[in-house]
N, C-alpha and C. Protein backbone atom coordinates (compact mmCIF):
# COMPACT_ATOMS: atom_id res chain seq x y z
N UNK A 1 31.62 52.52 18.79
CA UNK A 1 31.16 53.74 19.44
C UNK A 1 32.15 54.86 19.12
N UNK A 2 31.62 56.02 18.83
CA UNK A 2 32.42 57.21 18.56
C UNK A 2 32.18 58.17 19.72
N UNK A 3 33.28 58.65 20.32
CA UNK A 3 33.19 59.63 21.40
C UNK A 3 33.78 60.93 20.92
N UNK A 4 33.00 61.99 20.98
CA UNK A 4 33.47 63.32 20.60
C UNK A 4 33.42 64.23 21.82
N UNK A 5 34.38 65.14 21.92
CA UNK A 5 34.42 66.08 23.03
C UNK A 5 34.24 67.48 22.45
N UNK A 6 33.16 68.15 22.86
CA UNK A 6 32.88 69.51 22.40
C UNK A 6 33.10 70.48 23.56
N UNK A 7 33.52 71.69 23.24
CA UNK A 7 33.67 72.73 24.25
C UNK A 7 35.00 72.70 24.97
N UNK A 8 35.98 71.98 24.44
CA UNK A 8 37.26 71.82 25.14
C UNK A 8 38.07 73.11 25.23
N UNK A 9 37.71 74.10 24.46
CA UNK A 9 38.44 75.37 24.51
C UNK A 9 38.17 76.14 25.79
N UNK A 10 37.32 75.62 26.66
CA UNK A 10 36.92 76.34 27.87
C UNK A 10 37.69 75.92 29.12
N UNK A 11 38.83 75.24 28.96
CA UNK A 11 39.62 74.95 30.14
C UNK A 11 40.24 73.57 30.23
N UNK A 12 39.84 72.65 29.37
CA UNK A 12 40.43 71.31 29.44
C UNK A 12 41.27 70.99 28.21
N UNK A 13 41.61 72.01 27.44
CA UNK A 13 42.37 71.76 26.22
C UNK A 13 43.73 71.12 26.52
N UNK A 14 44.35 71.47 27.66
CA UNK A 14 45.64 70.88 28.03
C UNK A 14 45.53 69.38 28.28
N UNK A 15 44.47 68.97 28.94
CA UNK A 15 44.25 67.55 29.21
C UNK A 15 44.06 66.79 27.91
N UNK A 16 43.27 67.34 27.01
CA UNK A 16 43.01 66.68 25.73
C UNK A 16 44.27 66.63 24.88
N UNK A 17 45.00 67.74 24.83
CA UNK A 17 46.22 67.81 24.03
C UNK A 17 47.24 66.77 24.48
N UNK A 18 47.37 66.57 25.79
CA UNK A 18 48.35 65.61 26.33
C UNK A 18 47.76 64.22 26.51
N UNK A 19 46.50 64.04 26.07
CA UNK A 19 45.80 62.76 26.16
C UNK A 19 45.76 62.22 27.59
N UNK A 20 45.70 63.14 28.55
CA UNK A 20 45.58 62.76 29.96
C UNK A 20 46.90 62.41 30.64
N UNK A 21 47.99 62.31 29.87
CA UNK A 21 49.29 61.98 30.46
C UNK A 21 49.68 63.09 31.43
N UNK A 22 50.14 62.73 32.60
CA UNK A 22 50.53 63.60 33.72
C UNK A 22 49.33 64.13 34.50
N UNK A 23 48.12 63.79 34.11
CA UNK A 23 46.93 64.18 34.86
C UNK A 23 46.34 63.01 35.65
N UNK A 24 47.01 61.87 35.64
CA UNK A 24 46.53 60.70 36.35
C UNK A 24 46.38 61.01 37.84
N UNK A 25 45.21 60.77 38.38
CA UNK A 25 44.95 61.04 39.79
C UNK A 25 44.56 62.47 40.09
N UNK A 26 44.57 63.34 39.11
CA UNK A 26 44.19 64.74 39.33
C UNK A 26 42.69 64.83 39.58
N UNK A 27 42.31 65.82 40.37
CA UNK A 27 40.90 66.07 40.66
C UNK A 27 40.43 67.27 39.86
N UNK A 28 39.31 67.13 39.19
CA UNK A 28 38.73 68.22 38.40
C UNK A 28 37.65 68.88 39.25
N UNK A 29 37.95 70.04 39.78
CA UNK A 29 36.99 70.75 40.65
C UNK A 29 35.92 71.44 39.82
N UNK A 30 34.68 71.30 40.25
CA UNK A 30 33.59 72.02 39.61
C UNK A 30 33.34 71.63 38.17
N UNK A 31 33.65 70.39 37.82
CA UNK A 31 33.45 69.93 36.44
C UNK A 31 31.95 69.86 36.13
N UNK A 32 31.56 70.52 35.06
CA UNK A 32 30.17 70.49 34.61
C UNK A 32 30.15 70.11 33.14
N UNK A 33 29.29 69.15 32.79
CA UNK A 33 29.23 68.67 31.42
C UNK A 33 27.87 68.07 31.12
N UNK A 34 27.58 67.90 29.85
CA UNK A 34 26.40 67.18 29.37
C UNK A 34 26.89 66.01 28.54
N UNK A 35 26.05 65.01 28.40
CA UNK A 35 26.33 63.89 27.50
C UNK A 35 25.14 63.75 26.56
N UNK A 36 25.42 63.73 25.28
CA UNK A 36 24.38 63.52 24.27
C UNK A 36 24.73 62.25 23.52
N UNK A 37 23.75 61.38 23.39
CA UNK A 37 24.02 60.07 22.79
C UNK A 37 22.89 59.71 21.83
N UNK A 38 23.29 59.11 20.69
CA UNK A 38 22.31 58.52 19.79
C UNK A 38 22.83 57.14 19.40
N UNK A 39 22.25 56.54 18.38
CA UNK A 39 22.62 55.18 18.00
C UNK A 39 24.05 55.04 17.49
N UNK A 40 24.65 56.12 17.00
CA UNK A 40 25.97 56.01 16.38
C UNK A 40 27.09 56.74 17.12
N UNK A 41 26.76 57.65 18.02
CA UNK A 41 27.82 58.43 18.67
C UNK A 41 27.44 58.87 20.07
N UNK A 42 28.46 59.21 20.82
CA UNK A 42 28.31 59.79 22.15
C UNK A 42 29.12 61.07 22.17
N UNK A 43 28.52 62.17 22.62
CA UNK A 43 29.23 63.44 22.72
C UNK A 43 29.32 63.86 24.18
N UNK A 44 30.54 64.13 24.63
CA UNK A 44 30.81 64.71 25.93
C UNK A 44 30.90 66.21 25.69
N UNK A 45 29.97 66.96 26.24
CA UNK A 45 29.92 68.40 26.00
C UNK A 45 30.37 69.11 27.27
N UNK A 46 31.61 69.60 27.24
CA UNK A 46 32.21 70.27 28.38
C UNK A 46 31.58 71.63 28.59
N UNK A 47 31.22 71.94 29.84
CA UNK A 47 30.61 73.22 30.17
C UNK A 47 31.61 74.14 30.90
N UNK A 48 32.17 73.66 32.01
CA UNK A 48 33.11 74.50 32.76
C UNK A 48 33.88 73.67 33.78
N UNK A 49 34.95 74.26 34.28
CA UNK A 49 35.76 73.66 35.33
C UNK A 49 36.33 74.82 36.16
N UNK A 50 36.35 74.64 37.49
CA UNK A 50 36.88 75.72 38.32
C UNK A 50 38.35 75.52 38.66
N UNK A 51 38.85 74.29 38.51
CA UNK A 51 40.27 74.07 38.79
C UNK A 51 40.68 72.63 38.63
N UNK A 52 42.00 72.43 38.56
CA UNK A 52 42.58 71.09 38.49
C UNK A 52 43.56 70.96 39.65
N UNK A 53 43.32 69.98 40.52
CA UNK A 53 44.21 69.73 41.65
C UNK A 53 45.05 68.51 41.32
N UNK A 54 46.35 68.72 41.29
CA UNK A 54 47.27 67.64 40.92
C UNK A 54 47.64 66.78 42.11
């Protein structure tokens, strides 16, 4: 399975850049996303986030 993340420039680039390290247990407020899947891949399409509570 291949997982791709699209739209990360809209607020979650820090999480992706650090591969989630130091975000363990954090709450993502107002997270909105779509998932598109076919036989070969799954895409997580990030829409928006209102905040990150550590």
